[in-house]
N, C-alpha and C. Protein backbone atom coordinates (compact mmCIF):
# COMPACT_ATOMS: atom_id res chain seq x y z
N MET A 1 146.48 284.24 -109.16
CA MET A 1 147.73 284.78 -109.66
C MET A 1 147.92 284.35 -111.12
N SER A 2 148.30 285.30 -111.95
CA SER A 2 148.43 285.00 -113.38
C SER A 2 149.71 284.23 -113.68
N ILE A 3 149.62 283.45 -114.75
CA ILE A 3 150.75 282.65 -115.22
C ILE A 3 151.52 283.42 -116.29
N HIS A 4 150.78 284.12 -117.14
CA HIS A 4 151.36 284.94 -118.21
C HIS A 4 150.66 286.29 -118.21
N LYS A 5 151.41 287.34 -118.53
CA LYS A 5 150.82 288.66 -118.71
C LYS A 5 151.57 289.38 -119.80
N VAL A 6 150.82 289.94 -120.75
CA VAL A 6 151.40 290.66 -121.87
C VAL A 6 150.65 291.98 -122.02
N SER A 7 151.41 293.05 -122.21
CA SER A 7 150.79 294.35 -122.49
C SER A 7 150.95 294.66 -123.96
N GLY A 8 149.84 295.04 -124.57
CA GLY A 8 149.86 295.49 -125.96
C GLY A 8 149.57 296.97 -125.98
N SER A 9 149.56 297.54 -127.15
CA SER A 9 149.35 298.98 -127.26
C SER A 9 147.92 299.39 -126.91
N ILE A 10 146.94 298.48 -127.07
CA ILE A 10 145.56 298.86 -126.77
C ILE A 10 144.91 297.94 -125.73
N GLY A 11 145.72 297.16 -125.03
CA GLY A 11 145.14 296.30 -124.01
C GLY A 11 146.17 295.40 -123.36
N ASP A 12 145.71 294.68 -122.36
CA ASP A 12 146.53 293.71 -121.65
C ASP A 12 145.88 292.35 -121.75
N LEU A 13 146.71 291.32 -121.83
CA LEU A 13 146.25 289.93 -121.82
C LEU A 13 146.87 289.26 -120.62
N GLU A 14 146.01 288.71 -119.78
CA GLU A 14 146.49 288.02 -118.59
C GLU A 14 145.93 286.60 -118.61
N VAL A 15 146.81 285.62 -118.42
CA VAL A 15 146.44 284.21 -118.50
C VAL A 15 146.59 283.57 -117.13
N PHE A 16 145.53 282.88 -116.71
CA PHE A 16 145.51 282.18 -115.44
C PHE A 16 145.49 280.68 -115.70
N GLU A 17 145.33 279.89 -114.67
CA GLU A 17 145.34 278.43 -114.80
C GLU A 17 144.16 277.91 -115.62
N ASP A 18 143.01 278.58 -115.54
CA ASP A 18 141.81 278.06 -116.19
C ASP A 18 141.04 279.09 -117.00
N LYS A 19 141.60 280.29 -117.15
CA LYS A 19 140.90 281.36 -117.87
C LYS A 19 141.90 282.42 -118.32
N LEU A 20 141.40 283.37 -119.11
CA LEU A 20 142.21 284.51 -119.52
C LEU A 20 141.37 285.76 -119.38
N THR A 21 142.04 286.89 -119.29
CA THR A 21 141.36 288.17 -119.21
C THR A 21 141.99 289.12 -120.22
N ILE A 22 141.14 289.78 -121.02
CA ILE A 22 141.58 290.81 -121.95
C ILE A 22 141.06 292.13 -121.40
N THR A 23 141.97 293.05 -121.11
CA THR A 23 141.59 294.35 -120.55
C THR A 23 141.96 295.44 -121.54
N PRO A 24 140.97 296.13 -122.13
CA PRO A 24 141.27 297.23 -123.05
C PRO A 24 141.90 298.40 -122.29
N LYS A 25 142.79 299.12 -122.98
CA LYS A 25 143.35 300.32 -122.35
C LYS A 25 143.55 301.40 -123.41
N GLY A 26 143.47 302.63 -122.97
CA GLY A 26 143.66 303.75 -123.89
C GLY A 26 142.51 303.89 -124.87
N LEU A 27 142.59 304.89 -125.70
CA LEU A 27 141.55 305.17 -126.69
C LEU A 27 141.42 304.03 -127.69
N GLY A 28 142.55 303.47 -128.12
CA GLY A 28 142.51 302.35 -129.08
C GLY A 28 141.78 301.16 -128.52
N GLY A 29 141.98 300.87 -127.24
CA GLY A 29 141.30 299.75 -126.60
C GLY A 29 139.82 299.98 -126.49
N ILE A 30 139.44 301.20 -126.22
CA ILE A 30 138.02 301.54 -126.12
C ILE A 30 137.36 301.39 -127.48
N VAL A 31 138.01 301.89 -128.53
CA VAL A 31 137.47 301.80 -129.88
C VAL A 31 137.40 300.34 -130.32
N GLU A 32 138.48 299.58 -130.13
CA GLU A 32 138.54 298.20 -130.60
C GLU A 32 137.56 297.30 -129.86
N SER A 33 137.34 297.56 -128.57
CA SER A 33 136.43 296.71 -127.81
C SER A 33 134.98 297.19 -127.88
N GLY A 34 134.75 298.30 -128.53
CA GLY A 34 133.39 298.79 -128.70
C GLY A 34 132.86 299.62 -127.56
N GLY A 35 133.73 300.15 -126.74
CA GLY A 35 133.26 301.02 -125.66
C GLY A 35 133.91 300.69 -124.33
N LEU A 36 133.38 301.27 -123.29
CA LEU A 36 133.93 301.12 -121.95
C LEU A 36 133.38 299.86 -121.28
N ARG A 37 133.74 298.73 -121.78
CA ARG A 37 133.21 297.47 -121.25
C ARG A 37 134.05 296.92 -120.11
N GLY A 38 135.28 297.33 -120.00
CA GLY A 38 136.14 296.79 -118.97
C GLY A 38 136.72 295.44 -119.37
N PRO A 39 137.35 294.77 -118.43
CA PRO A 39 138.00 293.48 -118.73
C PRO A 39 136.98 292.42 -119.16
N LYS A 40 137.42 291.54 -120.05
CA LYS A 40 136.60 290.41 -120.47
C LYS A 40 137.31 289.14 -120.05
N THR A 41 136.63 288.31 -119.28
CA THR A 41 137.20 287.05 -118.81
C THR A 41 136.62 285.91 -119.64
N ILE A 42 137.49 285.03 -120.11
CA ILE A 42 137.08 283.90 -120.94
C ILE A 42 137.63 282.61 -120.32
N PRO A 43 136.75 281.73 -119.84
CA PRO A 43 137.22 280.43 -119.34
C PRO A 43 137.73 279.58 -120.49
N PHE A 44 138.82 278.84 -120.27
CA PHE A 44 139.37 277.99 -121.33
C PHE A 44 138.34 277.00 -121.84
N ALA A 45 137.48 276.50 -120.96
CA ALA A 45 136.47 275.52 -121.35
C ALA A 45 135.49 276.08 -122.38
N SER A 46 135.40 277.40 -122.50
CA SER A 46 134.49 278.04 -123.45
C SER A 46 135.12 278.28 -124.82
N ILE A 47 136.41 278.13 -124.94
CA ILE A 47 137.10 278.44 -126.19
C ILE A 47 136.97 277.28 -127.17
N THR A 48 136.44 277.57 -128.37
CA THR A 48 136.29 276.53 -129.40
C THR A 48 137.43 276.56 -130.41
N ALA A 49 138.07 277.71 -130.58
CA ALA A 49 139.18 277.83 -131.52
C ALA A 49 140.01 279.06 -131.18
N ILE A 50 141.26 279.03 -131.61
CA ILE A 50 142.14 280.18 -131.41
C ILE A 50 142.70 280.57 -132.78
N LYS A 51 142.49 281.82 -133.15
CA LYS A 51 143.08 282.37 -134.38
C LYS A 51 144.30 283.18 -133.97
N HIS A 52 145.33 283.13 -134.79
CA HIS A 52 146.57 283.80 -134.43
C HIS A 52 147.29 284.26 -135.69
N ARG A 53 147.84 285.46 -135.63
CA ARG A 53 148.70 285.95 -136.71
C ARG A 53 149.90 286.61 -136.06
N ARG A 54 151.08 286.25 -136.52
CA ARG A 54 152.31 286.86 -136.01
C ARG A 54 152.40 288.31 -136.46
N ALA A 55 152.96 289.12 -135.61
CA ALA A 55 153.22 290.52 -135.97
C ALA A 55 154.46 290.56 -136.85
N GLY A 56 154.48 291.53 -137.74
CA GLY A 56 155.65 291.68 -138.60
C GLY A 56 155.60 292.98 -139.36
N GLY A 57 156.74 293.64 -139.47
CA GLY A 57 156.78 294.92 -140.16
C GLY A 57 155.91 295.94 -139.46
N PHE A 58 155.04 296.57 -140.22
CA PHE A 58 154.13 297.56 -139.65
C PHE A 58 152.82 296.96 -139.15
N LEU A 59 152.59 295.68 -139.45
CA LEU A 59 151.33 295.05 -139.08
C LEU A 59 151.41 294.43 -137.68
N PRO A 60 150.42 294.73 -136.85
CA PRO A 60 150.41 294.08 -135.53
C PRO A 60 149.97 292.64 -135.67
N GLY A 61 150.32 291.84 -134.71
CA GLY A 61 149.82 290.48 -134.65
C GLY A 61 148.57 290.46 -133.79
N TYR A 62 147.89 289.33 -133.81
CA TYR A 62 146.73 289.20 -132.93
C TYR A 62 146.55 287.75 -132.53
N ILE A 63 145.85 287.58 -131.43
CA ILE A 63 145.36 286.28 -131.00
C ILE A 63 143.90 286.49 -130.66
N GLN A 64 143.04 285.67 -131.26
CA GLN A 64 141.60 285.81 -131.09
C GLN A 64 141.02 284.49 -130.61
N PHE A 65 140.11 284.57 -129.65
CA PHE A 65 139.52 283.40 -129.04
C PHE A 65 138.06 283.28 -129.46
N GLU A 66 137.74 282.19 -130.14
CA GLU A 66 136.37 281.98 -130.60
C GLU A 66 135.59 281.20 -129.56
N LEU A 67 134.33 281.61 -129.37
CA LEU A 67 133.46 281.00 -128.39
C LEU A 67 132.25 280.40 -129.08
N PRO A 68 131.62 279.38 -128.49
CA PRO A 68 130.46 278.77 -129.14
C PRO A 68 129.30 279.76 -129.24
N GLY A 69 128.73 279.85 -130.42
CA GLY A 69 127.58 280.71 -130.64
C GLY A 69 127.87 282.20 -130.57
N GLY A 70 129.12 282.56 -130.37
CA GLY A 70 129.46 283.97 -130.23
C GLY A 70 129.80 284.60 -131.57
N LEU A 71 129.44 285.84 -131.70
CA LEU A 71 129.84 286.59 -132.88
C LEU A 71 131.28 287.02 -132.69
N GLN A 72 132.08 286.89 -133.72
CA GLN A 72 133.48 287.30 -133.61
C GLN A 72 133.63 288.77 -134.00
N GLU A 73 132.59 289.31 -134.64
CA GLU A 73 132.55 290.74 -134.93
C GLU A 73 131.18 291.25 -134.54
N GLU A 74 131.13 292.49 -134.12
CA GLU A 74 129.87 293.09 -133.69
C GLU A 74 129.77 294.48 -134.29
N ASN A 75 128.60 294.83 -134.78
CA ASN A 75 128.38 296.17 -135.33
C ASN A 75 128.24 297.17 -134.18
N THR A 76 128.84 298.33 -134.35
CA THR A 76 128.74 299.37 -133.33
C THR A 76 127.68 300.38 -133.72
N ILE A 77 127.35 301.24 -132.81
CA ILE A 77 126.37 302.30 -133.07
C ILE A 77 126.85 303.21 -134.19
N LEU A 78 128.15 303.40 -134.28
CA LEU A 78 128.71 304.29 -135.29
C LEU A 78 128.86 303.61 -136.65
N GLY A 79 128.46 302.35 -136.74
CA GLY A 79 128.47 301.67 -138.04
C GLY A 79 129.72 300.87 -138.34
N GLY A 80 130.69 300.88 -137.47
CA GLY A 80 131.90 300.09 -137.70
C GLY A 80 131.77 298.70 -137.08
N ASN A 81 132.73 297.85 -137.38
CA ASN A 81 132.76 296.52 -136.79
C ASN A 81 133.81 296.48 -135.69
N VAL A 82 133.48 295.81 -134.62
CA VAL A 82 134.40 295.62 -133.51
C VAL A 82 134.68 294.13 -133.39
N ARG A 83 135.93 293.77 -133.36
CA ARG A 83 136.27 292.37 -133.21
C ARG A 83 136.22 291.99 -131.73
N GLN A 84 135.66 290.85 -131.46
CA GLN A 84 135.48 290.39 -130.09
C GLN A 84 136.59 289.41 -129.70
N ASN A 85 136.90 289.39 -128.41
CA ASN A 85 137.80 288.39 -127.84
C ASN A 85 139.16 288.37 -128.53
N ILE A 86 139.70 289.53 -128.78
CA ILE A 86 140.94 289.63 -129.54
C ILE A 86 141.95 290.49 -128.78
N PHE A 87 143.22 290.13 -128.94
CA PHE A 87 144.31 290.88 -128.33
C PHE A 87 145.35 291.16 -129.41
N PHE A 88 145.70 292.43 -129.59
CA PHE A 88 146.71 292.83 -130.58
C PHE A 88 148.05 293.03 -129.89
N PHE A 89 149.12 292.71 -130.63
CA PHE A 89 150.47 292.86 -130.07
C PHE A 89 151.46 293.23 -131.17
N LYS A 90 152.60 293.74 -130.75
CA LYS A 90 153.67 294.10 -131.70
C LYS A 90 154.64 292.95 -131.85
N SER A 91 155.56 293.08 -132.81
CA SER A 91 156.46 291.97 -133.14
C SER A 91 157.31 291.51 -131.96
N ASN A 92 157.56 292.38 -130.99
CA ASN A 92 158.36 291.93 -129.85
C ASN A 92 157.56 290.99 -128.94
N GLY A 93 156.28 290.79 -129.23
CA GLY A 93 155.45 289.88 -128.44
C GLY A 93 155.19 288.54 -129.10
N ASN A 94 155.74 288.32 -130.30
CA ASN A 94 155.47 287.09 -131.04
C ASN A 94 155.74 285.82 -130.23
N GLU A 95 156.92 285.72 -129.65
CA GLU A 95 157.29 284.50 -128.93
C GLU A 95 156.41 284.28 -127.70
N LYS A 96 156.16 285.34 -126.96
CA LYS A 96 155.34 285.23 -125.75
C LYS A 96 153.91 284.81 -126.11
N ILE A 97 153.36 285.38 -127.16
CA ILE A 97 151.99 285.03 -127.58
C ILE A 97 151.94 283.57 -128.03
N GLU A 98 152.96 283.11 -128.74
CA GLU A 98 152.98 281.72 -129.18
C GLU A 98 153.09 280.78 -127.97
N GLU A 99 153.82 281.18 -126.95
CA GLU A 99 153.91 280.41 -125.71
C GLU A 99 152.54 280.36 -125.02
N ILE A 100 151.87 281.50 -124.98
CA ILE A 100 150.54 281.58 -124.38
C ILE A 100 149.55 280.71 -125.16
N LYS A 101 149.60 280.80 -126.49
CA LYS A 101 148.70 280.01 -127.34
C LYS A 101 148.89 278.52 -127.07
N ALA A 102 150.15 278.07 -127.01
CA ALA A 102 150.44 276.66 -126.75
C ALA A 102 149.93 276.25 -125.36
N PHE A 103 150.10 277.11 -124.37
CA PHE A 103 149.64 276.84 -123.01
C PHE A 103 148.12 276.66 -123.00
N ILE A 104 147.41 277.59 -123.62
CA ILE A 104 145.94 277.53 -123.63
C ILE A 104 145.46 276.30 -124.40
N GLU A 105 146.07 275.99 -125.52
CA GLU A 105 145.68 274.81 -126.29
C GLU A 105 145.90 273.53 -125.48
N ARG A 106 147.00 273.47 -124.71
CA ARG A 106 147.24 272.32 -123.83
C ARG A 106 146.13 272.20 -122.78
N LYS A 107 145.77 273.34 -122.19
CA LYS A 107 144.73 273.35 -121.16
C LYS A 107 143.38 272.92 -121.74
N ILE A 108 143.06 273.40 -122.93
CA ILE A 108 141.80 273.02 -123.59
C ILE A 108 141.80 271.51 -123.85
N SER A 109 142.92 270.98 -124.31
CA SER A 109 143.03 269.55 -124.58
C SER A 109 142.85 268.76 -123.29
N GLU A 110 143.45 269.22 -122.20
CA GLU A 110 143.30 268.55 -120.89
C GLU A 110 141.83 268.54 -120.47
N ILE A 111 141.16 269.66 -120.65
CA ILE A 111 139.74 269.76 -120.28
C ILE A 111 138.92 268.76 -121.09
N LYS A 112 139.15 268.72 -122.42
CA LYS A 112 138.41 267.80 -123.27
C LYS A 112 138.70 266.35 -122.91
N ASN A 113 139.98 266.01 -122.67
CA ASN A 113 140.34 264.64 -122.30
C ASN A 113 139.74 264.25 -120.96
N HIS A 114 139.73 265.18 -120.02
CA HIS A 114 139.15 264.91 -118.69
C HIS A 114 137.65 264.65 -118.82
N ASN A 115 136.96 265.46 -119.61
CA ASN A 115 135.52 265.28 -119.80
C ASN A 115 135.21 263.95 -120.50
N THR A 116 136.05 263.56 -121.45
CA THR A 116 135.86 262.29 -122.15
C THR A 116 136.09 261.13 -121.20
N THR A 117 137.10 261.22 -120.36
CA THR A 117 137.41 260.16 -119.40
C THR A 117 136.26 259.98 -118.42
N ILE A 118 135.71 261.07 -117.95
CA ILE A 118 134.60 261.00 -117.01
C ILE A 118 133.37 260.38 -117.68
N ALA A 119 133.12 260.75 -118.92
CA ALA A 119 131.92 260.31 -119.62
C ALA A 119 131.96 258.84 -119.99
N SER A 120 133.14 258.30 -120.24
CA SER A 120 133.23 256.91 -120.68
C SER A 120 133.78 256.03 -119.57
N SER A 121 133.33 254.79 -119.56
CA SER A 121 133.87 253.83 -118.61
C SER A 121 134.25 252.58 -119.38
N SER A 122 135.17 251.84 -118.83
CA SER A 122 135.67 250.66 -119.51
C SER A 122 134.71 249.48 -119.29
N PRO A 123 134.84 248.43 -120.10
CA PRO A 123 134.03 247.23 -119.88
C PRO A 123 134.26 246.64 -118.49
N THR A 124 135.48 246.72 -118.01
CA THR A 124 135.79 246.21 -116.67
C THR A 124 134.98 246.95 -115.62
N ASP A 125 134.93 248.30 -115.75
CA ASP A 125 134.13 249.11 -114.82
C ASP A 125 132.67 248.69 -114.85
N GLU A 126 132.14 248.46 -116.05
CA GLU A 126 130.75 248.06 -116.20
C GLU A 126 130.50 246.69 -115.57
N LEU A 127 131.44 245.76 -115.74
CA LEU A 127 131.28 244.43 -115.16
C LEU A 127 131.31 244.48 -113.63
N ILE A 128 132.16 245.34 -113.08
CA ILE A 128 132.23 245.51 -111.63
C ILE A 128 130.90 246.04 -111.10
N LYS A 129 130.34 247.02 -111.81
CA LYS A 129 129.04 247.57 -111.41
C LYS A 129 127.96 246.49 -111.45
N LEU A 130 127.98 245.67 -112.51
CA LEU A 130 127.00 244.59 -112.63
C LEU A 130 127.14 243.60 -111.48
N ALA A 131 128.39 243.21 -111.17
CA ALA A 131 128.62 242.24 -110.09
C ALA A 131 128.11 242.79 -108.75
N ARG A 132 128.30 244.06 -108.51
CA ARG A 132 127.80 244.67 -107.27
C ARG A 132 126.27 244.63 -107.22
N LEU A 133 125.64 244.95 -108.36
CA LEU A 133 124.18 244.91 -108.41
C LEU A 133 123.66 243.49 -108.15
N LYS A 134 124.38 242.50 -108.69
CA LYS A 134 123.98 241.10 -108.48
C LYS A 134 124.16 240.73 -107.00
N GLU A 135 125.30 241.11 -106.42
CA GLU A 135 125.57 240.83 -105.00
C GLU A 135 124.51 241.46 -104.10
N GLN A 136 124.02 242.61 -104.48
CA GLN A 136 123.02 243.32 -103.68
C GLN A 136 121.61 242.77 -103.90
N GLY A 137 121.52 241.80 -104.80
CA GLY A 137 120.22 241.19 -105.06
C GLY A 137 119.34 242.00 -106.01
N LEU A 138 119.93 242.99 -106.66
CA LEU A 138 119.15 243.84 -107.57
C LEU A 138 119.07 243.27 -108.98
N LEU A 139 119.93 242.27 -109.28
CA LEU A 139 119.89 241.59 -110.58
C LEU A 139 119.81 240.09 -110.33
N SER A 140 119.00 239.43 -111.15
CA SER A 140 118.95 237.96 -111.08
C SER A 140 120.16 237.42 -111.85
N GLU A 141 120.39 236.12 -111.71
CA GLU A 141 121.50 235.48 -112.43
C GLU A 141 121.31 235.63 -113.94
N GLU A 142 120.08 235.49 -114.38
CA GLU A 142 119.78 235.61 -115.82
C GLU A 142 120.04 237.04 -116.32
N GLU A 143 119.57 238.03 -115.56
CA GLU A 143 119.79 239.44 -115.94
C GLU A 143 121.29 239.77 -115.96
N PHE A 144 121.99 239.26 -114.96
CA PHE A 144 123.44 239.48 -114.88
C PHE A 144 124.14 238.89 -116.11
N SER A 145 123.79 237.65 -116.46
CA SER A 145 124.42 236.97 -117.61
C SER A 145 124.16 237.70 -118.91
N LYS A 146 122.92 238.14 -119.11
CA LYS A 146 122.58 238.87 -120.35
C LYS A 146 123.35 240.19 -120.44
N ALA A 147 123.39 240.93 -119.34
CA ALA A 147 124.10 242.22 -119.33
C ALA A 147 125.59 242.01 -119.54
N LYS A 148 126.14 240.98 -118.92
CA LYS A 148 127.57 240.66 -119.06
C LYS A 148 127.89 240.32 -120.52
N GLN A 149 127.07 239.52 -121.15
CA GLN A 149 127.30 239.15 -122.55
C GLN A 149 127.24 240.39 -123.45
N LYS A 150 126.31 241.30 -123.14
CA LYS A 150 126.19 242.53 -123.93
C LYS A 150 127.46 243.38 -123.82
N ILE A 151 127.96 243.52 -122.59
CA ILE A 151 129.17 244.33 -122.37
C ILE A 151 130.37 243.71 -123.08
N LEU A 152 130.46 242.38 -123.02
CA LEU A 152 131.59 241.67 -123.64
C LEU A 152 131.42 241.47 -125.14
N GLY A 153 130.26 241.86 -125.67
CA GLY A 153 130.04 241.76 -127.12
C GLY A 153 129.73 240.34 -127.57
N ILE A 154 129.25 239.50 -126.64
CA ILE A 154 128.89 238.12 -126.97
C ILE A 154 127.39 238.08 -127.23
N SER A 155 126.97 237.48 -128.38
CA SER A 155 125.54 237.47 -128.67
C SER A 155 124.83 236.36 -128.01
């Protein structure tokens, strides 16, 4: 079930707990997305940056999601450029898009913090692991002492 959904003139943006979907609609959506590709799903964990411009006057706003190693523009058979991973909206969507942008940025930050927490362990965790290895007879007293001094930064 989606958390946010916004309809633009050439597509729909639907935001879920861990991903988003951009669905082109109408002739403008087909042209802008480079053909009949259908919905594009982007996991938040894949987003490296978000570009955003508020709509105002006659200019539409946009929110664009950059992915690692991905081209943000692609040449079409007809010689034009098609922007990838982008959703256009009118000025009445400014606040909703900014809310969506903040939500996605929070989720990306949570993903990065979670991955960092998993990857790193504290000195206390390392000492507990060492003590268990010693108790199991897998480390001698000398090996335990050397490893403990290394973890504690004692030379």
